[in-house]
Amino acid sequence: MPFINVRIFEGHSKERKARIAEKITEIVNQETGVPKEYIWVTFQDIPADEWSIGGKMCGKSE
């Protein structure tokens, strides 16, 4: 059973997350043949100031 954890900037709507989950589920199903009901997708909202991209902190500076 595939378990996919998506770490994402906080603030995305439930509708957007649902669309992302649907697309991830579809791709995993197509590529692995695992039935969709066995593919789990979770979202972990992380505040922007907890991310570093390219060595620079995101979010508001202190």
PDB file of N, CA and C in Angstrom:
ATOM      1  N   MET A   1       0.835  -1.168   0.000  1.00  0.00           N
ATOM      2  CA  MET A   1       0.000   0.000   0.000  1.00  0.00           C
ATOM      3  C   MET A   1       0.890   1.244   0.000  1.00  0.00           C
ATOM      4  N   PRO A   2       0.877   2.036  -1.072  1.00  0.00           N
ATOM      5  CA  PRO A   2       1.660   3.273  -1.101  1.00  0.00           C
ATOM      6  C   PRO A   2       1.100   4.301  -0.108  1.00  0.00           C
ATOM      7  N   PHE A   3       2.005   4.963   0.593  1.00  0.00           N
ATOM      8  CA  PHE A   3       1.650   6.026   1.526  1.00  0.00           C
ATOM      9  C   PHE A   3       2.492   7.228   1.140  1.00  0.00           C
ATOM     10  N   ILE A   4       1.854   8.274   0.635  1.00  0.00           N
ATOM     11  CA  ILE A   4       2.565   9.461   0.155  1.00  0.00           C
ATOM     12  C   ILE A   4       2.284  10.606   1.118  1.00  0.00           C
ATOM     13  N   ASN A   5       3.337  11.222   1.645  1.00  0.00           N
ATOM     14  CA  ASN A   5       3.208  12.372   2.524  1.00  0.00           C
ATOM     15  C   ASN A   5       3.683  13.593   1.759  1.00  0.00           C
ATOM     16  N   VAL A   6       2.785  14.559   1.581  1.00  0.00           N
ATOM     17  CA  VAL A   6       3.096  15.789   0.861  1.00  0.00           C
ATOM     18  C   VAL A   6       3.331  16.885   1.887  1.00  0.00           C
ATOM     19  N   ARG A   7       4.539  17.406   1.910  1.00  0.00           N
ATOM     20  CA  ARG A   7       4.847  18.550   2.780  1.00  0.00           C
ATOM     21  C   ARG A   7       4.676  19.791   1.923  1.00  0.00           C
ATOM     22  N   ILE A   8       3.886  20.730   2.418  1.00  0.00           N
ATOM     23  CA  ILE A   8       3.473  21.861   1.602  1.00  0.00           C
ATOM     24  C   ILE A   8       3.412  23.114   2.474  1.00  0.00           C
ATOM     25  N   PHE A   9       3.672  24.275   1.851  1.00  0.00           N
ATOM     26  CA  PHE A   9       3.484  25.529   2.580  1.00  0.00           C
ATOM     27  C   PHE A   9       2.060  25.569   3.110  1.00  0.00           C
ATOM     28  N   GLU A  10       1.884  26.025   4.341  1.00  0.00           N
ATOM     29  CA  GLU A  10       0.534  26.128   4.885  1.00  0.00           C
ATOM     30  C   GLU A  10      -0.256  27.183   4.111  1.00  0.00           C
ATOM     31  N   GLY A  11      -1.569  27.047   4.149  1.00  0.00           N
ATOM     32  CA  GLY A  11      -2.429  28.041   3.524  1.00  0.00           C
ATOM     33  C   GLY A  11      -3.151  27.575   2.270  1.00  0.00           C
ATOM     34  N   HIS A  12      -2.858  26.382   1.789  1.00  0.00           N
ATOM     35  CA  HIS A  12      -3.567  25.875   0.616  1.00  0.00           C
ATOM     36  C   HIS A  12      -4.957  25.398   1.034  1.00  0.00           C
ATOM     37  N   SER A  13      -5.940  25.622   0.183  1.00  0.00           N
ATOM     38  CA  SER A  13      -7.316  25.242   0.501  1.00  0.00           C
ATOM     39  C   SER A  13      -7.506  23.729   0.456  1.00  0.00           C
ATOM     40  N   LYS A  14      -8.566  23.275   1.103  1.00  0.00           N
ATOM     41  CA  LYS A  14      -8.904  21.850   1.067  1.00  0.00           C
ATOM     42  C   LYS A  14      -9.204  21.413  -0.366  1.00  0.00           C
ATOM     43  N   GLU A  15      -9.802  22.309  -1.148  1.00  0.00           N
ATOM     44  CA  GLU A  15     -10.119  21.985  -2.537  1.00  0.00           C
ATOM     45  C   GLU A  15      -8.844  21.754  -3.348  1.00  0.00           C
ATOM     46  N   ARG A  16      -7.851  22.597  -3.155  1.00  0.00           N
ATOM     47  CA  ARG A  16      -6.584  22.438  -3.874  1.00  0.00           C
ATOM     48  C   ARG A  16      -5.898  21.136  -3.455  1.00  0.00           C
ATOM     49  N   LYS A  17      -5.891  20.863  -2.157  1.00  0.00           N
ATOM     50  CA  LYS A  17      -5.284  19.622  -1.672  1.00  0.00           C
ATOM     51  C   LYS A  17      -6.016  18.407  -2.241  1.00  0.00           C
ATOM     52  N   ALA A  18      -7.340  18.495  -2.348  1.00  0.00           N
ATOM     53  CA  ALA A  18      -8.112  17.384  -2.916  1.00  0.00           C
ATOM     54  C   ALA A  18      -7.713  17.149  -4.368  1.00  0.00           C
ATOM     55  N   ARG A  19      -7.528  18.221  -5.140  1.00  0.00           N
ATOM     56  CA  ARG A  19      -7.103  18.081  -6.544  1.00  0.00           C
ATOM     57  C   ARG A  19      -5.713  17.465  -6.625  1.00  0.00           C
ATOM     58  N   ILE A  20      -4.809  17.913  -5.773  1.00  0.00           N
ATOM     59  CA  ILE A  20      -3.453  17.357  -5.760  1.00  0.00           C
ATOM     60  C   ILE A  20      -3.500  15.874  -5.401  1.00  0.00           C
ATOM     61  N   ALA A  21      -4.275  15.529  -4.380  1.00  0.00           N
ATOM     62  CA  ALA A  21      -4.383  14.130  -3.955  1.00  0.00           C
ATOM     63  C   ALA A  21      -4.952  13.257  -5.068  1.00  0.00           C
ATOM     64  N   GLU A  22      -5.956  13.764  -5.780  1.00  0.00           N
ATOM     65  CA  GLU A  22      -6.540  13.011  -6.893  1.00  0.00           C
ATOM     66  C   GLU A  22      -5.497  12.735  -7.971  1.00  0.00           C
ATOM     67  N   LYS A  23      -4.711  13.745  -8.308  1.00  0.00           N
ATOM     68  CA  LYS A  23      -3.697  13.583  -9.358  1.00  0.00           C
ATOM     69  C   LYS A  23      -2.591  12.626  -8.923  1.00  0.00           C
ATOM     70  N   ILE A  24      -2.134  12.765  -7.692  1.00  0.00           N
ATOM     71  CA  ILE A  24      -1.101  11.853  -7.189  1.00  0.00           C
ATOM     72  C   ILE A  24      -1.624  10.420  -7.209  1.00  0.00           C
ATOM     73  N   THR A  25      -2.842  10.234  -6.725  1.00  0.00           N
ATOM     74  CA  THR A  25      -3.444   8.898  -6.691  1.00  0.00           C
ATOM     75  C   THR A  25      -3.543   8.310  -8.089  1.00  0.00           C
ATOM     76  N   GLU A  26      -3.970   9.104  -9.043  1.00  0.00           N
ATOM     77  CA  GLU A  26      -4.106   8.638 -10.430  1.00  0.00           C
ATOM     78  C   GLU A  26      -2.759   8.193 -10.996  1.00  0.00           C
ATOM     79  N   ILE A  27      -1.730   8.996 -10.790  1.00  0.00           N
ATOM     80  CA  ILE A  27      -0.399   8.663 -11.321  1.00  0.00           C
ATOM     81  C   ILE A  27       0.147   7.394 -10.671  1.00  0.00           C
ATOM     82  N   VAL A  28       0.043   7.289  -9.347  1.00  0.00           N
ATOM     83  CA  VAL A  28       0.549   6.101  -8.657  1.00  0.00           C
ATOM     84  C   VAL A  28      -0.207   4.861  -9.134  1.00  0.00           C
ATOM     85  N   ASN A  29      -1.512   4.984  -9.304  1.00  0.00           N
ATOM     86  CA  ASN A  29      -2.322   3.869  -9.805  1.00  0.00           C
ATOM     87  C   ASN A  29      -1.881   3.453 -11.200  1.00  0.00           C
ATOM     88  N   GLN A  30      -1.692   4.418 -12.089  1.00  0.00           N
ATOM     89  CA  GLN A  30      -1.284   4.116 -13.466  1.00  0.00           C
ATOM     90  C   GLN A  30       0.093   3.471 -13.519  1.00  0.00           C
ATOM     91  N   GLU A  31       1.010   3.954 -12.709  1.00  0.00           N
ATOM     92  CA  GLU A  31       2.392   3.482 -12.771  1.00  0.00           C
ATOM     93  C   GLU A  31       2.635   2.178 -12.019  1.00  0.00           C
ATOM     94  N   THR A  32       1.822   1.897 -11.001  1.00  0.00           N
ATOM     95  CA  THR A  32       2.067   0.706 -10.182  1.00  0.00           C
ATOM     96  C   THR A  32       0.992  -0.366 -10.310  1.00  0.00           C
ATOM     97  N   GLY A  33      -0.191   0.039 -10.745  1.00  0.00           N
ATOM     98  CA  GLY A  33      -1.303  -0.899 -10.808  1.00  0.00           C
ATOM     99  C   GLY A  33      -1.985  -1.123  -9.471  1.00  0.00           C
ATOM    100  N   VAL A  34      -1.520  -0.441  -8.432  1.00  0.00           N
ATOM    101  CA  VAL A  34      -2.146  -0.561  -7.113  1.00  0.00           C
ATOM    102  C   VAL A  34      -3.535   0.088  -7.190  1.00  0.00           C
ATOM    103  N   PRO A  35      -4.573  -0.595  -6.712  1.00  0.00           N
ATOM    104  CA  PRO A  35      -5.911  -0.006  -6.723  1.00  0.00           C
ATOM    105  C   PRO A  35      -5.940   1.314  -5.946  1.00  0.00           C
ATOM    106  N   LYS A  36      -6.721   2.266  -6.454  1.00  0.00           N
ATOM    107  CA  LYS A  36      -6.770   3.595  -5.844  1.00  0.00           C
ATOM    108  C   LYS A  36      -7.148   3.557  -4.364  1.00  0.00           C
ATOM    109  N   GLU A  37      -8.001   2.613  -3.982  1.00  0.00           N
ATOM    110  CA  GLU A  37      -8.433   2.572  -2.577  1.00  0.00           C
ATOM    111  C   GLU A  37      -7.322   2.157  -1.623  1.00  0.00           C
ATOM    112  N   TYR A  38      -6.192   1.718  -2.162  1.00  0.00           N
ATOM    113  CA  TYR A  38      -5.048   1.346  -1.329  1.00  0.00           C
ATOM    114  C   TYR A  38      -3.930   2.395  -1.359  1.00  0.00           C
ATOM    115  N   ILE A  39      -4.178   3.514  -2.009  1.00  0.00           N
ATOM    116  CA  ILE A  39      -3.176   4.582  -2.105  1.00  0.00           C
ATOM    117  C   ILE A  39      -3.576   5.687  -1.131  1.00  0.00           C
ATOM    118  N   TRP A  40      -2.713   5.946  -0.177  1.00  0.00           N
ATOM    119  CA  TRP A  40      -2.969   6.963   0.834  1.00  0.00           C
ATOM    120  C   TRP A  40      -2.124   8.198   0.538  1.00  0.00           C
ATOM    121  N   VAL A  41      -2.753   9.372   0.645  1.00  0.00           N
ATOM    122  CA  VAL A  41      -2.044  10.645   0.489  1.00  0.00           C
ATOM    123  C   VAL A  41      -2.374  11.494   1.712  1.00  0.00           C
ATOM    124  N   THR A  42      -1.346  11.981   2.385  1.00  0.00           N
ATOM    125  CA  THR A  42      -1.549  12.890   3.513  1.00  0.00           C
ATOM    126  C   THR A  42      -0.839  14.203   3.220  1.00  0.00           C
ATOM    127  N   PHE A  43      -1.292  15.252   3.874  1.00  0.00           N
ATOM    128  CA  PHE A  43      -0.679  16.566   3.724  1.00  0.00           C
ATOM    129  C   PHE A  43      -0.174  17.040   5.073  1.00  0.00           C
ATOM    130  N   GLN A  44       1.006  17.601   5.042  1.00  0.00           N
ATOM    131  CA  GLN A  44       1.597  18.183   6.242  1.00  0.00           C
ATOM    132  C   GLN A  44       1.849  19.650   5.929  1.00  0.00           C
ATOM    133  N   ASP A  45       1.039  20.527   6.531  1.00  0.00           N
ATOM    134  CA  ASP A  45       1.199  21.968   6.333  1.00  0.00           C
ATOM    135  C   ASP A  45       2.353  22.465   7.192  1.00  0.00           C
ATOM    136  N   ILE A  46       3.275  23.157   6.561  1.00  0.00           N
ATOM    137  CA  ILE A  46       4.440  23.672   7.275  1.00  0.00           C
ATOM    138  C   ILE A  46       4.502  25.188   7.062  1.00  0.00           C
ATOM    139  N   PRO A  47       4.644  25.960   8.142  1.00  0.00           N
ATOM    140  CA  PRO A  47       4.737  27.407   8.006  1.00  0.00           C
ATOM    141  C   PRO A  47       5.916  27.806   7.103  1.00  0.00           C
ATOM    142  N   ALA A  48       5.723  28.862   6.333  1.00  0.00           N
ATOM    143  CA  ALA A  48       6.751  29.304   5.384  1.00  0.00           C
ATOM    144  C   ALA A  48       8.079  29.590   6.072  1.00  0.00           C
ATOM    145  N   ASP A  49       8.039  30.102   7.303  1.00  0.00           N
ATOM    146  CA  ASP A  49       9.297  30.447   7.970  1.00  0.00           C
ATOM    147  C   ASP A  49      10.041  29.223   8.505  1.00  0.00           C
ATOM    148  N   GLU A  50       9.506  28.030   8.271  1.00  0.00           N
ATOM    149  CA  GLU A  50      10.175  26.781   8.661  1.00  0.00           C
ATOM    150  C   GLU A  50      10.889  26.129   7.477  1.00  0.00           C
ATOM    151  N   TRP A  51      10.814  26.753   6.300  1.00  0.00           N
ATOM    152  CA  TRP A  51      11.428  26.205   5.087  1.00  0.00           C
ATOM    153  C   TRP A  51      12.693  26.980   4.732  1.00  0.00           C
ATOM    154  N   SER A  52      13.629  26.283   4.161  1.00  0.00           N
ATOM    155  CA  SER A  52      14.801  26.905   3.555  1.00  0.00           C
ATOM    156  C   SER A  52      14.905  26.355   2.140  1.00  0.00           C
ATOM    157  N   ILE A  53      14.989  27.248   1.178  1.00  0.00           N
ATOM    158  CA  ILE A  53      15.123  26.851  -0.221  1.00  0.00           C
ATOM    159  C   ILE A  53      16.367  27.532  -0.775  1.00  0.00           C
ATOM    160  N   GLY A  54      17.266  26.740  -1.310  1.00  0.00           N
ATOM    161  CA  GLY A  54      18.505  27.289  -1.849  1.00  0.00           C
ATOM    162  C   GLY A  54      19.365  27.954  -0.788  1.00  0.00           C
ATOM    163  N   GLY A  55      19.247  27.482   0.452  1.00  0.00           N
ATOM    164  CA  GLY A  55      20.053  28.031   1.535  1.00  0.00           C
ATOM    165  C   GLY A  55      19.494  29.298   2.149  1.00  0.00           C
ATOM    166  N   LYS A  56      18.328  29.748   1.678  1.00  0.00           N
ATOM    167  CA  LYS A  56      17.720  30.968   2.209  1.00  0.00           C
ATOM    168  C   LYS A  56      16.394  30.623   2.857  1.00  0.00           C
ATOM    169  N   MET A  57      16.178  31.189   4.028  1.00  0.00           N
ATOM    170  CA  MET A  57      14.931  30.948   4.734  1.00  0.00           C
ATOM    171  C   MET A  57      13.783  31.644   4.009  1.00  0.00           C
ATOM    172  N   CYS A  58      12.648  30.987   4.004  1.00  0.00           N
ATOM    173  CA  CYS A  58      11.445  31.537   3.383  1.00  0.00           C
ATOM    174  C   CYS A  58      10.637  32.279   4.441  1.00  0.00           C
ATOM    175  N   GLY A  59       9.576  32.911   4.022  1.00  0.00           N
ATOM    176  CA  GLY A  59       8.707  33.606   4.968  1.00  0.00           C
ATOM    177  C   GLY A  59       9.288  34.950   5.350  1.00  0.00           C
ATOM    178  N   LYS A  60       8.726  35.503   6.402  1.00  0.00           N
ATOM    179  CA  LYS A  60       9.148  36.827   6.858  1.00  0.00           C
ATOM    180  C   LYS A  60      10.499  36.754   7.546  1.00  0.00           C
ATOM    181  N   SER A  61      11.322  37.748   7.285  1.00  0.00           N
ATOM    182  CA  SER A  61      12.631  37.794   7.949  1.00  0.00           C
ATOM    183  C   SER A  61      12.473  38.404   9.333  1.00  0.00           C
ATOM    184  N   GLU A  62      13.390  38.057  10.205  1.00  0.00           N
ATOM    185  CA  GLU A  62      13.332  38.561  11.590  1.00  0.00           C
ATOM    186  C   GLU A  62      14.011  39.895  11.706  1.00  0.00           C
TER     187      GLU A  62
END
